[in-house]
Amino acid sequence: MANRSIKESDWQMYRELRPIALERLCERILQQIGNISADSSQSKHQRYLKVYQYIHEQDEEISLGFDHNSRSHAFEQILFFRSRNLLDDNEFARFSVELYSNINDIVNQRE
């Protein structure tokens, strides 16, 4: 996807909400790791291997959504946050109407 510029106000909001989105994604990852490691139907070694693979997969997900913390990548990262429900509706509504609409249109087209 081509880089899309965003307004200064949206950039400031992105910078405020980005750590919240990252914490929520990490919380989900850690919760799933707990579920995997608690699965007593698997051996400890099997659970370890599943946790290892899951962390590797999620590291790629974190990289996709949070690397390149710059204004030129902010649109794509806000789209990432929205498509993965890392911001609630009230938080997402704090962006400009234009950005809000553009992101929602893309997310809705993908569903």
PDB file of N, CA and C in Angstrom:
ATOM      1  N   MET A   1       0.852  -1.172   0.000  1.00  0.00           N
ATOM      2  CA  MET A   1       0.000   0.000   0.000  1.00  0.00           C
ATOM      3  C   MET A   1       0.897   1.233   0.000  1.00  0.00           C
ATOM      4  N   ALA A   2       0.562   2.188  -0.815  1.00  0.00           N
ATOM      5  CA  ALA A   2       1.339   3.424  -0.887  1.00  0.00           C
ATOM      6  C   ALA A   2       1.177   4.220   0.404  1.00  0.00           C
ATOM      7  N   ASN A   3       2.247   4.926   0.760  1.00  0.00           N
ATOM      8  CA  ASN A   3       2.182   5.768   1.949  1.00  0.00           C
ATOM      9  C   ASN A   3       1.155   6.872   1.739  1.00  0.00           C
ATOM     10  N   ARG A   4       0.385   7.156   2.746  1.00  0.00           N
ATOM     11  CA  ARG A   4      -0.612   8.213   2.694  1.00  0.00           C
ATOM     12  C   ARG A   4      -0.281   9.193   3.808  1.00  0.00           C
ATOM     13  N   SER A   5      -0.251  10.451   3.453  1.00  0.00           N
ATOM     14  CA  SER A   5       0.051  11.445   4.481  1.00  0.00           C
ATOM     15  C   SER A   5      -1.177  11.669   5.352  1.00  0.00           C
ATOM     16  N   ILE A   6      -0.919  12.062   6.583  1.00  0.00           N
ATOM     17  CA  ILE A   6      -2.015  12.344   7.510  1.00  0.00           C
ATOM     18  C   ILE A   6      -1.814  13.734   8.095  1.00  0.00           C
ATOM     19  N   LYS A   7      -2.897  14.287   8.581  1.00  0.00           N
ATOM     20  CA  LYS A   7      -2.864  15.617   9.197  1.00  0.00           C
ATOM     21  C   LYS A   7      -2.026  15.585  10.474  1.00  0.00           C
ATOM     22  N   GLU A   8      -1.542  16.756  10.853  1.00  0.00           N
ATOM     23  CA  GLU A   8      -0.770  16.878  12.090  1.00  0.00           C
ATOM     24  C   GLU A   8      -1.572  16.392  13.294  1.00  0.00           C
ATOM     25  N   SER A   9      -2.846  16.743  13.351  1.00  0.00           N
ATOM     26  CA  SER A   9      -3.675  16.319  14.493  1.00  0.00           C
ATOM     27  C   SER A   9      -3.808  14.799  14.545  1.00  0.00           C
ATOM     28  N   ASP A  10      -3.903  14.153  13.387  1.00  0.00           N
ATOM     29  CA  ASP A  10      -3.973  12.690  13.360  1.00  0.00           C
ATOM     30  C   ASP A  10      -2.629  12.068  13.739  1.00  0.00           C
ATOM     31  N   TRP A  11      -1.543  12.705  13.342  1.00  0.00           N
ATOM     32  CA  TRP A  11      -0.213  12.241  13.727  1.00  0.00           C
ATOM     33  C   TRP A  11      -0.052  12.289  15.237  1.00  0.00           C
ATOM     34  N   GLN A  12      -0.483  13.379  15.847  1.00  0.00           N
ATOM     35  CA  GLN A  12      -0.400  13.506  17.302  1.00  0.00           C
ATOM     36  C   GLN A  12      -1.266  12.452  17.994  1.00  0.00           C
ATOM     37  N   MET A  13      -2.458  12.207  17.465  1.00  0.00           N
ATOM     38  CA  MET A  13      -3.357  11.198  18.046  1.00  0.00           C
ATOM     39  C   MET A  13      -2.756   9.798  17.875  1.00  0.00           C
ATOM     40  N   TYR A  14      -2.190   9.547  16.719  1.00  0.00           N
ATOM     41  CA  TYR A  14      -1.516   8.263  16.478  1.00  0.00           C
ATOM     42  C   TYR A  14      -0.429   8.041  17.525  1.00  0.00           C
ATOM     43  N   ARG A  15       0.380   9.052  17.758  1.00  0.00           N
ATOM     44  CA  ARG A  15       1.470   8.930  18.727  1.00  0.00           C
ATOM     45  C   ARG A  15       0.944   8.673  20.140  1.00  0.00           C
ATOM     46  N   GLU A  16      -0.219   9.195  20.454  1.00  0.00           N
ATOM     47  CA  GLU A  16      -0.828   8.961  21.766  1.00  0.00           C
ATOM     48  C   GLU A  16      -1.423   7.554  21.875  1.00  0.00           C
ATOM     49  N   LEU A  17      -2.037   7.076  20.793  1.00  0.00           N
ATOM     50  CA  LEU A  17      -2.755   5.801  20.841  1.00  0.00           C
ATOM     51  C   LEU A  17      -1.897   4.582  20.487  1.00  0.00           C
ATOM     52  N   ARG A  18      -0.783   4.799  19.840  1.00  0.00           N
ATOM     53  CA  ARG A  18       0.096   3.699  19.431  1.00  0.00           C
ATOM     54  C   ARG A  18       0.517   2.815  20.610  1.00  0.00           C
ATOM     55  N   PRO A  19       0.976   3.387  21.730  1.00  0.00           N
ATOM     56  CA  PRO A  19       1.363   2.524  22.860  1.00  0.00           C
ATOM     57  C   PRO A  19       0.193   1.712  23.414  1.00  0.00           C
ATOM     58  N   ILE A  20      -1.010   2.263  23.354  1.00  0.00           N
ATOM     59  CA  ILE A  20      -2.194   1.538  23.818  1.00  0.00           C
ATOM     60  C   ILE A  20      -2.437   0.324  22.931  1.00  0.00           C
ATOM     61  N   ALA A  21      -2.349   0.536  21.617  1.00  0.00           N
ATOM     62  CA  ALA A  21      -2.553  -0.565  20.674  1.00  0.00           C
ATOM     63  C   ALA A  21      -1.497  -1.651  20.870  1.00  0.00           C
ATOM     64  N   LEU A  22      -0.254  -1.249  21.073  1.00  0.00           N
ATOM     65  CA  LEU A  22       0.819  -2.220  21.282  1.00  0.00           C
ATOM     66  C   LEU A  22       0.583  -3.029  22.557  1.00  0.00           C
ATOM     67  N   GLU A  23       0.184  -2.375  23.627  1.00  0.00           N
ATOM     68  CA  GLU A  23      -0.099  -3.085  24.878  1.00  0.00           C
ATOM     69  C   GLU A  23      -1.223  -4.093  24.697  1.00  0.00           C
ATOM     70  N   ARG A  24      -2.258  -3.715  23.952  1.00  0.00           N
ATOM     71  CA  ARG A  24      -3.386  -4.634  23.733  1.00  0.00           C
ATOM     72  C   ARG A  24      -2.966  -5.837  22.907  1.00  0.00           C
ATOM     73  N   LEU A  25      -2.156  -5.613  21.889  1.00  0.00           N
ATOM     74  CA  LEU A  25      -1.694  -6.739  21.093  1.00  0.00           C
ATOM     75  C   LEU A  25      -0.820  -7.661  21.943  1.00  0.00           C
ATOM     76  N   CYS A  26       0.077  -7.097  22.717  1.00  0.00           N
ATOM     77  CA  CYS A  26       0.935  -7.913  23.588  1.00  0.00           C
ATOM     78  C   CYS A  26       0.108  -8.664  24.629  1.00  0.00           C
ATOM     79  N   GLU A  27      -0.922  -8.029  25.141  1.00  0.00           N
ATOM     80  CA  GLU A  27      -1.804  -8.703  26.102  1.00  0.00           C
ATOM     81  C   GLU A  27      -2.453  -9.922  25.454  1.00  0.00           C
ATOM     82  N   ARG A  28      -2.942  -9.779  24.227  1.00  0.00           N
ATOM     83  CA  ARG A  28      -3.546 -10.909  23.512  1.00  0.00           C
ATOM     84  C   ARG A  28      -2.536 -12.029  23.290  1.00  0.00           C
ATOM     85  N   ILE A  29      -1.338 -11.642  22.906  1.00  0.00           N
ATOM     86  CA  ILE A  29      -0.293 -12.637  22.651  1.00  0.00           C
ATOM     87  C   ILE A  29       0.028 -13.396  23.934  1.00  0.00           C
ATOM     88  N   LEU A  30       0.215 -12.679  25.022  1.00  0.00           N
ATOM     89  CA  LEU A  30       0.537 -13.324  26.293  1.00  0.00           C
ATOM     90  C   LEU A  30      -0.606 -14.208  26.785  1.00  0.00           C
ATOM     91  N   GLN A  31      -1.830 -13.776  26.544  1.00  0.00           N
ATOM     92  CA  GLN A  31      -2.986 -14.591  26.933  1.00  0.00           C
ATOM     93  C   GLN A  31      -2.984 -15.911  26.150  1.00  0.00           C
ATOM     94  N   GLN A  32      -2.702 -15.829  24.854  1.00  0.00           N
ATOM     95  CA  GLN A  32      -2.664 -17.041  24.038  1.00  0.00           C
ATOM     96  C   GLN A  32      -1.504 -17.937  24.443  1.00  0.00           C
ATOM     97  N   ILE A  33      -0.380 -17.349  24.793  1.00  0.00           N
ATOM     98  CA  ILE A  33       0.755 -18.149  25.275  1.00  0.00           C
ATOM     99  C   ILE A  33       0.345 -18.903  26.540  1.00  0.00           C
ATOM    100  N   GLY A  34      -0.387 -18.229  27.407  1.00  0.00           N
ATOM    101  CA  GLY A  34      -0.886 -18.894  28.609  1.00  0.00           C
ATOM    102  C   GLY A  34      -1.802 -20.053  28.273  1.00  0.00           C
ATOM    103  N   ASN A  35      -2.681 -19.860  27.294  1.00  0.00           N
ATOM    104  CA  ASN A  35      -3.580 -20.937  26.868  1.00  0.00           C
ATOM    105  C   ASN A  35      -2.803 -22.114  26.299  1.00  0.00           C
ATOM    106  N   ILE A  36      -1.814 -21.821  25.481  1.00  0.00           N
ATOM    107  CA  ILE A  36      -0.999 -22.886  24.882  1.00  0.00           C
ATOM    108  C   ILE A  36      -0.246 -23.643  25.971  1.00  0.00           C
ATOM    109  N   SER A  37       0.374 -22.917  26.882  1.00  0.00           N
ATOM    110  CA  SER A  37       1.191 -23.582  27.901  1.00  0.00           C
ATOM    111  C   SER A  37       0.348 -24.317  28.944  1.00  0.00           C
ATOM    112  N   ALA A  38      -0.920 -23.975  29.059  1.00  0.00           N
ATOM    113  CA  ALA A  38      -1.801 -24.645  30.026  1.00  0.00           C
ATOM    114  C   ALA A  38      -2.470 -25.887  29.441  1.00  0.00           C
ATOM    115  N   ASP A  39      -2.272 -26.174  28.185  1.00  0.00           N
ATOM    116  CA  ASP A  39      -2.917 -27.310  27.516  1.00  0.00           C
ATOM    117  C   ASP A  39      -2.263 -28.617  27.956  1.00  0.00           C
ATOM    118  N   SER A  40      -2.826 -29.214  28.979  1.00  0.00           N
ATOM    119  CA  SER A  40      -2.225 -30.423  29.550  1.00  0.00           C
ATOM    120  C   SER A  40      -2.400 -31.654  28.661  1.00  0.00           C
ATOM    121  N   SER A  41      -3.139 -31.534  27.570  1.00  0.00           N
ATOM    122  CA  SER A  41      -3.253 -32.665  26.648  1.00  0.00           C
ATOM    123  C   SER A  41      -1.998 -32.814  25.788  1.00  0.00           C
ATOM    124  N   GLN A  42      -1.108 -31.821  25.842  1.00  0.00           N
ATOM    125  CA  GLN A  42       0.144 -31.836  25.103  1.00  0.00           C
ATOM    126  C   GLN A  42       1.305 -32.015  26.090  1.00  0.00           C
ATOM    127  N   SER A  43       2.378 -32.599  25.609  1.00  0.00           N
ATOM    128  CA  SER A  43       3.553 -32.714  26.467  1.00  0.00           C
ATOM    129  C   SER A  43       4.154 -31.318  26.662  1.00  0.00           C
ATOM    130  N   LYS A  44       4.992 -31.193  27.676  1.00  0.00           N
ATOM    131  CA  LYS A  44       5.646 -29.904  27.905  1.00  0.00           C
ATOM    132  C   LYS A  44       6.490 -29.496  26.702  1.00  0.00           C
ATOM    133  N   HIS A  45       7.139 -30.452  26.099  1.00  0.00           N
ATOM    134  CA  HIS A  45       7.947 -30.142  24.922  1.00  0.00           C
ATOM    135  C   HIS A  45       7.062 -29.678  23.758  1.00  0.00           C
ATOM    136  N   GLN A  46       5.945 -30.352  23.539  1.00  0.00           N
ATOM    137  CA  GLN A  46       5.019 -29.925  22.487  1.00  0.00           C
ATOM    138  C   GLN A  46       4.508 -28.506  22.750  1.00  0.00           C
ATOM    139  N   ARG A  47       4.177 -28.226  24.005  1.00  0.00           N
ATOM    140  CA  ARG A  47       3.713 -26.875  24.359  1.00  0.00           C
ATOM    141  C   ARG A  47       4.805 -25.848  24.126  1.00  0.00           C
ATOM    142  N   TYR A  48       6.028 -26.196  24.511  1.00  0.00           N
ATOM    143  CA  TYR A  48       7.149 -25.288  24.277  1.00  0.00           C
ATOM    144  C   TYR A  48       7.285 -24.986  22.789  1.00  0.00           C
ATOM    145  N   LEU A  49       7.241 -26.025  21.958  1.00  0.00           N
ATOM    146  CA  LEU A  49       7.384 -25.826  20.517  1.00  0.00           C
ATOM    147  C   LEU A  49       6.257 -24.955  19.959  1.00  0.00           C
ATOM    148  N   LYS A  50       5.045 -25.176  20.454  1.00  0.00           N
ATOM    149  CA  LYS A  50       3.921 -24.350  19.998  1.00  0.00           C
ATOM    150  C   LYS A  50       4.084 -22.897  20.438  1.00  0.00           C
ATOM    151  N   VAL A  51       4.531 -22.695  21.664  1.00  0.00           N
ATOM    152  CA  VAL A  51       4.775 -21.336  22.155  1.00  0.00           C
ATOM    153  C   VAL A  51       5.866 -20.675  21.316  1.00  0.00           C
ATOM    154  N   TYR A  52       6.922 -21.398  21.050  1.00  0.00           N
ATOM    155  CA  TYR A  52       8.025 -20.866  20.256  1.00  0.00           C
ATOM    156  C   TYR A  52       7.534 -20.434  18.873  1.00  0.00           C
ATOM    157  N   GLN A  53       6.790 -21.297  18.213  1.00  0.00           N
ATOM    158  CA  GLN A  53       6.278 -20.974  16.876  1.00  0.00           C
ATOM    159  C   GLN A  53       5.304 -19.802  16.938  1.00  0.00           C
ATOM    160  N   TYR A  54       4.440 -19.801  17.936  1.00  0.00           N
ATOM    161  CA  TYR A  54       3.466 -18.720  18.080  1.00  0.00           C
ATOM    162  C   TYR A  54       4.172 -17.373  18.281  1.00  0.00           C
ATOM    163  N   ILE A  55       5.197 -17.355  19.121  1.00  0.00           N
ATOM    164  CA  ILE A  55       5.944 -16.113  19.350  1.00  0.00           C
ATOM    165  C   ILE A  55       6.597 -15.644  18.054  1.00  0.00           C
ATOM    166  N   HIS A  56       7.149 -16.567  17.303  1.00  0.00           N
ATOM    167  CA  HIS A  56       7.762 -16.208  16.022  1.00  0.00           C
ATOM    168  C   HIS A  56       6.725 -15.574  15.089  1.00  0.00           C
ATOM    169  N   GLU A  57       5.548 -16.184  14.992  1.00  0.00           N
ATOM    170  CA  GLU A  57       4.482 -15.648  14.141  1.00  0.00           C
ATOM    171  C   GLU A  57       4.034 -14.270  14.629  1.00  0.00           C
ATOM    172  N   GLN A  58       3.895 -14.126  15.922  1.00  0.00           N
ATOM    173  CA  GLN A  58       3.417 -12.866  16.467  1.00  0.00           C
ATOM    174  C   GLN A  58       4.474 -11.766  16.394  1.00  0.00           C
ATOM    175  N   ASP A  59       5.742 -12.163  16.407  1.00  0.00           N
ATOM    176  CA  ASP A  59       6.800 -11.180  16.221  1.00  0.00           C
ATOM    177  C   ASP A  59       6.677 -10.535  14.842  1.00  0.00           C
ATOM    178  N   GLU A  60       6.329 -11.324  13.848  1.00  0.00           N
ATOM    179  CA  GLU A  60       6.098 -10.794  12.503  1.00  0.00           C
ATOM    180  C   GLU A  60       4.894  -9.854  12.502  1.00  0.00           C
ATOM    181  N   GLU A  61       3.859 -10.198  13.242  1.00  0.00           N
ATOM    182  CA  GLU A  61       2.661  -9.356  13.347  1.00  0.00           C
ATOM    183  C   GLU A  61       2.999  -8.015  14.018  1.00  0.00           C
ATOM    184  N   ILE A  62       3.756  -8.068  15.092  1.00  0.00           N
ATOM    185  CA  ILE A  62       4.174  -6.841  15.768  1.00  0.00           C
ATOM    186  C   ILE A  62       5.015  -5.982  14.833  1.00  0.00           C
ATOM    187  N   SER A  63       5.893  -6.615  14.103  1.00  0.00           N
ATOM    188  CA  SER A  63       6.734  -5.886  13.151  1.00  0.00           C
ATOM    189  C   SER A  63       5.882  -5.203  12.091  1.00  0.00           C
ATOM    190  N   LEU A  64       4.909  -5.909  11.573  1.00  0.00           N
ATOM    191  CA  LEU A  64       4.014  -5.357  10.551  1.00  0.00           C
ATOM    192  C   LEU A  64       3.290  -4.111  11.052  1.00  0.00           C
ATOM    193  N   GLY A  65       2.826  -4.154  12.276  1.00  0.00           N
ATOM    194  CA  GLY A  65       2.009  -3.065  12.796  1.00  0.00           C
ATOM    195  C   GLY A  65       2.740  -1.975  13.543  1.00  0.00           C
ATOM    196  N   PHE A  66       3.982  -2.232  13.961  1.00  0.00           N
ATOM    197  CA  PHE A  66       4.618  -1.260  14.852  1.00  0.00           C
ATOM    198  C   PHE A  66       6.029  -0.836  14.451  1.00  0.00           C
ATOM    199  N   ASP A  67       6.651  -1.501  13.506  1.00  0.00           N
ATOM    200  CA  ASP A  67       7.947  -1.026  13.029  1.00  0.00           C
ATOM    201  C   ASP A  67       7.735   0.242  12.210  1.00  0.00           C
ATOM    202  N   HIS A  68       8.775   0.975  12.001  1.00  0.00           N
ATOM    203  CA  HIS A  68       8.723   2.196  11.186  1.00  0.00           C
ATOM    204  C   HIS A  68       7.778   3.226  11.799  1.00  0.00           C
ATOM    205  N   ASN A  69       8.063   3.596  13.016  1.00  0.00           N
ATOM    206  CA  ASN A  69       7.245   4.580  13.723  1.00  0.00           C
ATOM    207  C   ASN A  69       7.517   5.965  13.135  1.00  0.00           C
ATOM    208  N   SER A  70       6.861   6.237  12.023  1.00  0.00           N
ATOM    209  CA  SER A  70       7.050   7.522  11.352  1.00  0.00           C
ATOM    210  C   SER A  70       5.726   7.987  10.764  1.00  0.00           C
ATOM    211  N   ARG A  71       5.666   9.251  10.502  1.00  0.00           N
ATOM    212  CA  ARG A  71       4.436   9.823   9.947  1.00  0.00           C
ATOM    213  C   ARG A  71       4.115   9.208   8.585  1.00  0.00           C
ATOM    214  N   SER A  72       5.130   8.881   7.815  1.00  0.00           N
ATOM    215  CA  SER A  72       4.887   8.311   6.491  1.00  0.00           C
ATOM    216  C   SER A  72       4.275   6.909   6.549  1.00  0.00           C
ATOM    217  N   HIS A  73       4.399   6.235   7.673  1.00  0.00           N
ATOM    218  CA  HIS A  73       3.817   4.898   7.837  1.00  0.00           C
ATOM    219  C   HIS A  73       2.593   4.888   8.752  1.00  0.00           C
ATOM    220  N   ALA A  74       2.234   6.025   9.289  1.00  0.00           N
ATOM    221  CA  ALA A  74       1.163   6.085  10.287  1.00  0.00           C
ATOM    222  C   ALA A  74      -0.178   5.621   9.736  1.00  0.00           C
ATOM    223  N   PHE A  75      -0.513   5.995   8.512  1.00  0.00           N
ATOM    224  CA  PHE A  75      -1.805   5.587   7.952  1.00  0.00           C
ATOM    225  C   PHE A  75      -1.926   4.073   7.948  1.00  0.00           C
ATOM    226  N   GLU A  76      -0.900   3.392   7.429  1.00  0.00           N
ATOM    227  CA  GLU A  76      -0.932   1.941   7.367  1.00  0.00           C
ATOM    228  C   GLU A  76      -0.996   1.316   8.756  1.00  0.00           C
ATOM    229  N   GLN A  77      -0.329   1.925   9.706  1.00  0.00           N
ATOM    230  CA  GLN A  77      -0.356   1.378  11.060  1.00  0.00           C
ATOM    231  C   GLN A  77      -1.704   1.615  11.736  1.00  0.00           C
ATOM    232  N   ILE A  78      -2.318   2.763  11.484  1.00  0.00           N
ATOM    233  CA  ILE A  78      -3.667   3.007  12.023  1.00  0.00           C
ATOM    234  C   ILE A  78      -4.641   2.004  11.407  1.00  0.00           C
ATOM    235  N   LEU A  79      -4.477   1.724  10.130  1.00  0.00           N
ATOM    236  CA  LEU A  79      -5.290   0.698   9.469  1.00  0.00           C
ATOM    237  C   LEU A  79      -5.072  -0.661  10.134  1.00  0.00           C
ATOM    238  N   PHE A  80      -3.835  -0.978  10.434  1.00  0.00           N
ATOM    239  CA  PHE A  80      -3.504  -2.214  11.153  1.00  0.00           C
ATOM    240  C   PHE A  80      -4.224  -2.242  12.503  1.00  0.00           C
ATOM    241  N   PHE A  81      -4.155  -1.151  13.260  1.00  0.00           N
ATOM    242  CA  PHE A  81      -4.800  -1.090  14.579  1.00  0.00           C
ATOM    243  C   PHE A  81      -6.294  -1.349  14.456  1.00  0.00           C
ATOM    244  N   ARG A  82      -6.912  -0.699  13.477  1.00  0.00           N
ATOM    245  CA  ARG A  82      -8.369  -0.814  13.307  1.00  0.00           C
ATOM    246  C   ARG A  82      -8.755  -2.216  12.858  1.00  0.00           C
ATOM    247  N   SER A  83      -8.025  -2.758  11.918  1.00  0.00           N
ATOM    248  CA  SER A  83      -8.395  -4.066  11.381  1.00  0.00           C
ATOM    249  C   SER A  83      -8.226  -5.180  12.405  1.00  0.00           C
ATOM    250  N   ARG A  84      -7.417  -4.947  13.417  1.00  0.00           N
ATOM    251  CA  ARG A  84      -7.198  -5.947  14.461  1.00  0.00           C
ATOM    252  C   ARG A  84      -7.855  -5.571  15.789  1.00  0.00           C
ATOM    253  N   ASN A  85      -8.711  -4.578  15.744  1.00  0.00           N
ATOM    254  CA  ASN A  85      -9.463  -4.131  16.930  1.00  0.00           C
ATOM    255  C   ASN A  85      -8.554  -3.824  18.112  1.00  0.00           C
ATOM    256  N   LEU A  86      -7.462  -3.129  17.838  1.00  0.00           N
ATOM    257  CA  LEU A  86      -6.534  -2.751  18.903  1.00  0.00           C
ATOM    258  C   LEU A  86      -6.887  -1.405  19.524  1.00  0.00           C
ATOM    259  N   LEU A  87      -7.814  -0.693  18.911  1.00  0.00           N
ATOM    260  CA  LEU A  87      -8.355   0.545  19.476  1.00  0.00           C
ATOM    261  C   LEU A  87      -9.857   0.380  19.578  1.00  0.00           C
ATOM    262  N   ASP A  88     -10.433   0.853  20.677  1.00  0.00           N
ATOM    263  CA  ASP A  88     -11.887   0.763  20.786  1.00  0.00           C
ATOM    264  C   ASP A  88     -12.520   1.881  19.948  1.00  0.00           C
ATOM    265  N   ASP A  89     -13.826   1.834  19.802  1.00  0.00           N
ATOM    266  CA  ASP A  89     -14.534   2.797  18.953  1.00  0.00           C
ATOM    267  C   ASP A  89     -14.321   4.237  19.405  1.00  0.00           C
ATOM    268  N   ASN A  90     -14.317   4.471  20.706  1.00  0.00           N
ATOM    269  CA  ASN A  90     -14.112   5.834  21.213  1.00  0.00           C
ATOM    270  C   ASN A  90     -12.711   6.339  20.902  1.00  0.00           C
ATOM    271  N   GLU A  91     -11.724   5.480  21.034  1.00  0.00           N
ATOM    272  CA  GLU A  91     -10.356   5.885  20.708  1.00  0.00           C
ATOM    273  C   GLU A  91     -10.217   6.162  19.211  1.00  0.00           C
ATOM    274  N   PHE A  92     -10.750   5.278  18.408  1.00  0.00           N
ATOM    275  CA  PHE A  92     -10.644   5.444  16.962  1.00  0.00           C
ATOM    276  C   PHE A  92     -11.373   6.705  16.499  1.00  0.00           C
ATOM    277  N   ALA A  93     -12.462   7.043  17.143  1.00  0.00           N
ATOM    278  CA  ALA A  93     -13.249   8.229  16.772  1.00  0.00           C
ATOM    279  C   ALA A  93     -12.504   9.534  17.076  1.00  0.00           C
ATOM    280  N   ARG A  94     -11.402   9.464  17.774  1.00  0.00           N
ATOM    281  CA  ARG A  94     -10.613  10.665  18.086  1.00  0.00           C
ATOM    282  C   ARG A  94      -9.802  11.148  16.885  1.00  0.00           C
ATOM    283  N   PHE A  95      -9.674  10.323  15.855  1.00  0.00           N
ATOM    284  CA  PHE A  95      -9.011  10.752  14.631  1.00  0.00           C
ATOM    285  C   PHE A  95      -9.956  11.661  13.843  1.00  0.00           C
ATOM    286  N   SER A  96      -9.401  12.370  12.877  1.00  0.00           N
ATOM    287  CA  SER A  96     -10.219  13.259  12.048  1.00  0.00           C
ATOM    288  C   SER A  96     -11.290  12.448  11.315  1.00  0.00           C
ATOM    289  N   VAL A  97     -12.369  13.122  10.964  1.00  0.00           N
ATOM    290  CA  VAL A  97     -13.463  12.474  10.236  1.00  0.00           C
ATOM    291  C   VAL A  97     -12.947  11.881   8.928  1.00  0.00           C
ATOM    292  N   GLU A  98     -12.061  12.595   8.267  1.00  0.00           N
ATOM    293  CA  GLU A  98     -11.509  12.130   6.990  1.00  0.00           C
ATOM    294  C   GLU A  98     -10.729  10.829   7.164  1.00  0.00           C
ATOM    295  N   LEU A  99      -9.823  10.799   8.125  1.00  0.00           N
ATOM    296  CA  LEU A  99      -9.031   9.591   8.354  1.00  0.00           C
ATOM    297  C   LEU A  99      -9.923   8.447   8.830  1.00  0.00           C
ATOM    298  N   TYR A 100     -10.814   8.741   9.743  1.00  0.00           N
ATOM    299  CA  TYR A 100     -11.756   7.749  10.272  1.00  0.00           C
ATOM    300  C   TYR A 100     -12.516   7.088   9.118  1.00  0.00           C
ATOM    301  N   SER A 101     -13.042   7.910   8.218  1.00  0.00           N
ATOM    302  CA  SER A 101     -13.825   7.400   7.081  1.00  0.00           C
ATOM    303  C   SER A 101     -12.958   6.581   6.129  1.00  0.00           C
ATOM    304  N   ASN A 102     -11.769   7.091   5.813  1.00  0.00           N
ATOM    305  CA  ASN A 102     -10.880   6.370   4.901  1.00  0.00           C
ATOM    306  C   ASN A 102     -10.499   4.999   5.451  1.00  0.00           C
ATOM    307  N   ILE A 103     -10.149   4.965   6.717  1.00  0.00           N
ATOM    308  CA  ILE A 103      -9.757   3.681   7.338  1.00  0.00           C
ATOM    309  C   ILE A 103     -10.940   2.718   7.370  1.00  0.00           C
ATOM    310  N   ASN A 104     -12.104   3.199   7.788  1.00  0.00           N
ATOM    311  CA  ASN A 104     -13.285   2.341   7.853  1.00  0.00           C
ATOM    312  C   ASN A 104     -13.677   1.824   6.475  1.00  0.00           C
ATOM    313  N   ASP A 105     -13.570   2.660   5.454  1.00  0.00           N
ATOM    314  CA  ASP A 105     -13.893   2.210   4.093  1.00  0.00           C
ATOM    315  C   ASP A 105     -12.983   1.061   3.687  1.00  0.00           C
ATOM    316  N   ILE A 106     -11.709   1.167   3.962  1.00  0.00           N
ATOM    317  CA  ILE A 106     -10.767   0.097   3.596  1.00  0.00           C
ATOM    318  C   ILE A 106     -11.059  -1.170   4.392  1.00  0.00           C
ATOM    319  N   VAL A 107     -11.280  -1.028   5.686  1.00  0.00           N
ATOM    320  CA  VAL A 107     -11.570  -2.199   6.525  1.00  0.00           C
ATOM    321  C   VAL A 107     -12.855  -2.894   6.046  1.00  0.00           C
ATOM    322  N   ASN A 108     -13.876  -2.102   5.742  1.00  0.00           N
ATOM    323  CA  ASN A 108     -15.145  -2.674   5.287  1.00  0.00           C
ATOM    324  C   ASN A 108     -15.007  -3.362   3.943  1.00  0.00           C
ATOM    325  N   GLN A 109     -14.162  -2.858   3.061  1.00  0.00           N
ATOM    326  CA  GLN A 109     -13.941  -3.485   1.755  1.00  0.00           C
ATOM    327  C   GLN A 109     -13.254  -4.839   1.924  1.00  0.00           C
ATOM    328  N   ARG A 110     -12.448  -4.977   2.926  1.00  0.00           N
ATOM    329  CA  ARG A 110     -11.686  -6.215   3.153  1.00  0.00           C
ATOM    330  C   ARG A 110     -12.537  -7.303   3.794  1.00  0.00           C
ATOM    331  N   GLU A 111     -13.638  -6.922   4.417  1.00  0.00           N
ATOM    332  CA  GLU A 111     -14.469  -7.924   5.130  1.00  0.00           C
ATOM    333  C   GLU A 111     -15.336  -8.721   4.223  1.00  0.00           C
TER     334      GLU A 111
END
